[in-house]
Amino acid sequence: MGSEMCIRDRNYISANSLNAANLGNGLYYVESKEGVGKNPDIYSDVQIRYKGYLTNGTVFDESANTGIRINLSQVIAGWQQGVPEFKEGGEGILLIPSYLAYGSRATGVIPANSVLIFEIKLIEVYQ
C-alpha cells in the first residue's frame, strides 16, 4: 500500500504544479517562504499555525491564526520528519503519506490510508 500512496502523492503534486522536495521516504514538502530562525528537532516545542486537509480538499483540522504550541515528539511521524525542514518564520506545505500519519486507521473525518496535506507556518521554536 505504501507505493500506491507515493503514487497518489506524486499525482497530487503534479496536478497542483507543486515544486516539492522528497525526503526519500515518501514525505514531500514545499517551502513557499524561507524562514530565518532556527530549525526545530523532534524534541522541540514549536508554535505552529496549520491547516490540514485531504487530497480532495476536505479540511479536517485547523489551528487559530496564532497557532498552537506543541512538542514535535507528540505528533504524527510526518510532522516529526517534515517540520524540522523549516526554520522559524518559514511557511510551506507537507504532503504526508498515510504510513507516516494514521495508516490503515480511520480517525474522525480522515478515512483509512489517507494522504494528509498540511499548510504550515513555523512561528517559533523553543529549545
Protein backbone atom coordinates (compact mmCIF):
# COMPACT_ATOMS: atom_id res chain seq x y z
CA MET A 1 0.00 0.00 0.00
CA GLY A 2 2.95 2.35 0.61
CA SER A 3 3.94 2.61 -3.06
CA GLU A 4 0.32 3.33 -4.01
CA MET A 5 0.29 6.20 -1.51
CA CYS A 6 3.50 7.61 -3.01
CA ILE A 7 1.95 7.49 -6.48
CA ARG A 8 -1.10 9.36 -5.18
CA ASP A 9 1.22 11.94 -3.59
CA ARG A 10 3.09 12.42 -6.87
CA ASN A 11 -0.18 12.72 -8.81
CA TYR A 12 -1.38 15.41 -6.39
CA ILE A 13 1.95 17.26 -6.67
CA SER A 14 1.84 17.14 -10.47
CA ALA A 15 -1.84 18.12 -10.72
CA ASN A 16 -1.20 21.14 -8.48
CA SER A 17 2.13 22.12 -10.10
CA LEU A 18 3.97 21.99 -6.78
CA ASN A 19 7.75 22.25 -6.62
CA ALA A 20 8.01 19.61 -3.90
CA ALA A 21 11.13 18.07 -2.40
CA ASN A 22 11.08 14.39 -1.41
CA LEU A 23 12.73 13.44 1.86
CA GLY A 24 13.30 9.97 0.42
CA ASN A 25 10.62 8.25 2.47
CA GLY A 26 7.51 9.35 0.58
CA LEU A 27 7.18 12.58 2.56
CA TYR A 28 7.20 15.68 0.37
CA TYR A 29 7.43 19.31 1.37
CA VAL A 30 7.16 22.63 -0.37
CA GLU A 31 8.84 25.68 1.14
CA SER A 32 6.89 28.74 -0.02
CA LYS A 33 8.66 31.17 2.33
CA GLU A 34 12.09 30.54 3.73
CA GLY A 35 12.49 31.19 7.44
CA VAL A 36 15.45 32.89 9.03
CA GLY A 37 15.37 31.45 12.53
CA LYS A 38 16.41 28.09 13.88
CA ASN A 39 15.25 24.64 12.79
CA PRO A 40 13.44 22.50 15.35
CA ASP A 41 14.27 18.89 16.07
CA ILE A 42 11.97 16.04 17.05
CA TYR A 43 12.10 17.08 20.73
CA SER A 44 11.44 20.80 20.21
CA ASP A 45 8.40 22.69 21.35
CA VAL A 46 7.13 24.78 18.46
CA GLN A 47 4.49 27.43 17.90
CA ILE A 48 2.95 26.48 14.57
CA ARG A 49 -0.03 27.57 12.53
CA TYR A 50 -1.52 24.87 10.33
CA LYS A 51 -4.41 23.78 8.18
CA GLY A 52 -4.83 20.07 7.47
CA TYR A 53 -6.82 18.71 4.56
CA LEU A 54 -7.26 15.66 2.37
CA THR A 55 -6.31 15.49 -1.31
CA ASN A 56 -9.98 16.13 -2.19
CA GLY A 57 -9.82 19.46 -0.32
CA THR A 58 -11.77 18.38 2.79
CA VAL A 59 -10.37 20.32 5.77
CA PHE A 60 -10.08 18.10 8.85
CA ASP A 61 -8.26 20.43 11.26
CA GLU A 62 -7.02 24.00 11.51
CA SER A 63 -5.30 25.99 14.22
CA ALA A 64 -6.11 29.51 15.27
CA ASN A 65 -4.20 32.22 13.40
CA THR A 66 -1.82 32.48 16.36
CA GLY A 67 -1.05 28.77 16.04
CA ILE A 68 -0.59 26.20 18.77
CA ARG A 69 2.37 25.27 20.92
CA ILE A 70 3.19 21.57 20.69
CA ASN A 71 6.14 19.26 21.22
CA LEU A 72 7.10 17.51 17.98
CA SER A 73 7.66 14.21 19.82
CA GLN A 74 3.87 14.08 20.39
CA VAL A 75 2.67 14.36 16.78
CA ILE A 76 2.46 12.07 13.74
CA ALA A 77 5.70 10.88 12.17
CA GLY A 78 5.10 13.04 9.09
CA TRP A 79 5.27 16.17 11.24
CA GLN A 80 8.27 14.87 13.20
CA GLN A 81 10.18 14.44 9.95
CA GLY A 82 8.76 17.33 7.92
CA VAL A 83 8.54 20.29 10.30
CA PRO A 84 12.33 20.26 11.00
CA GLU A 85 12.87 21.07 7.30
CA PHE A 86 11.55 24.58 8.07
CA LYS A 87 13.19 27.40 10.02
CA GLU A 88 11.37 29.86 12.24
CA GLY A 89 9.27 32.12 10.08
CA GLY A 90 9.17 29.55 7.30
CA GLU A 91 5.97 28.58 5.54
CA GLY A 92 5.01 25.76 3.25
CA ILE A 93 3.19 22.51 2.71
CA LEU A 94 3.75 18.98 4.00
CA LEU A 95 2.38 16.09 1.89
CA ILE A 96 2.30 13.13 4.23
CA PRO A 97 1.71 9.56 3.07
CA SER A 98 -0.68 7.53 5.21
CA TYR A 99 2.08 5.35 6.72
CA LEU A 100 3.60 8.49 8.29
CA ALA A 101 0.18 9.61 9.56
CA TYR A 102 -2.66 7.31 10.64
CA GLY A 103 -2.03 4.38 8.28
CA SER A 104 -4.92 1.98 7.93
CA ARG A 105 -6.80 3.54 10.88
CA ALA A 106 -9.62 5.96 10.17
CA THR A 107 -9.74 8.84 12.65
CA GLY A 108 -12.52 11.42 12.78
CA VAL A 109 -13.27 12.55 9.22
CA ILE A 110 -9.94 11.14 7.98
CA PRO A 111 -10.51 7.85 6.11
CA ALA A 112 -8.05 4.98 6.46
CA ASN A 113 -4.99 5.13 4.18
CA SER A 114 -5.33 8.87 3.58
CA VAL A 115 -2.61 11.17 2.30
CA LEU A 116 -2.63 14.28 4.53
CA ILE A 117 -1.71 17.77 3.41
CA PHE A 118 -0.76 20.49 5.87
CA GLU A 119 -0.19 24.15 5.13
CA ILE A 120 2.11 25.31 7.91
CA LYS A 121 3.83 28.39 9.26
CA LEU A 122 6.55 27.73 11.81
CA ILE A 123 6.15 30.72 14.10
CA GLU A 124 8.67 29.93 16.82
CA VAL A 125 10.99 27.19 18.03
CA TYR A 126 11.57 26.78 21.77
CA GLN A 127 14.68 24.76 22.71
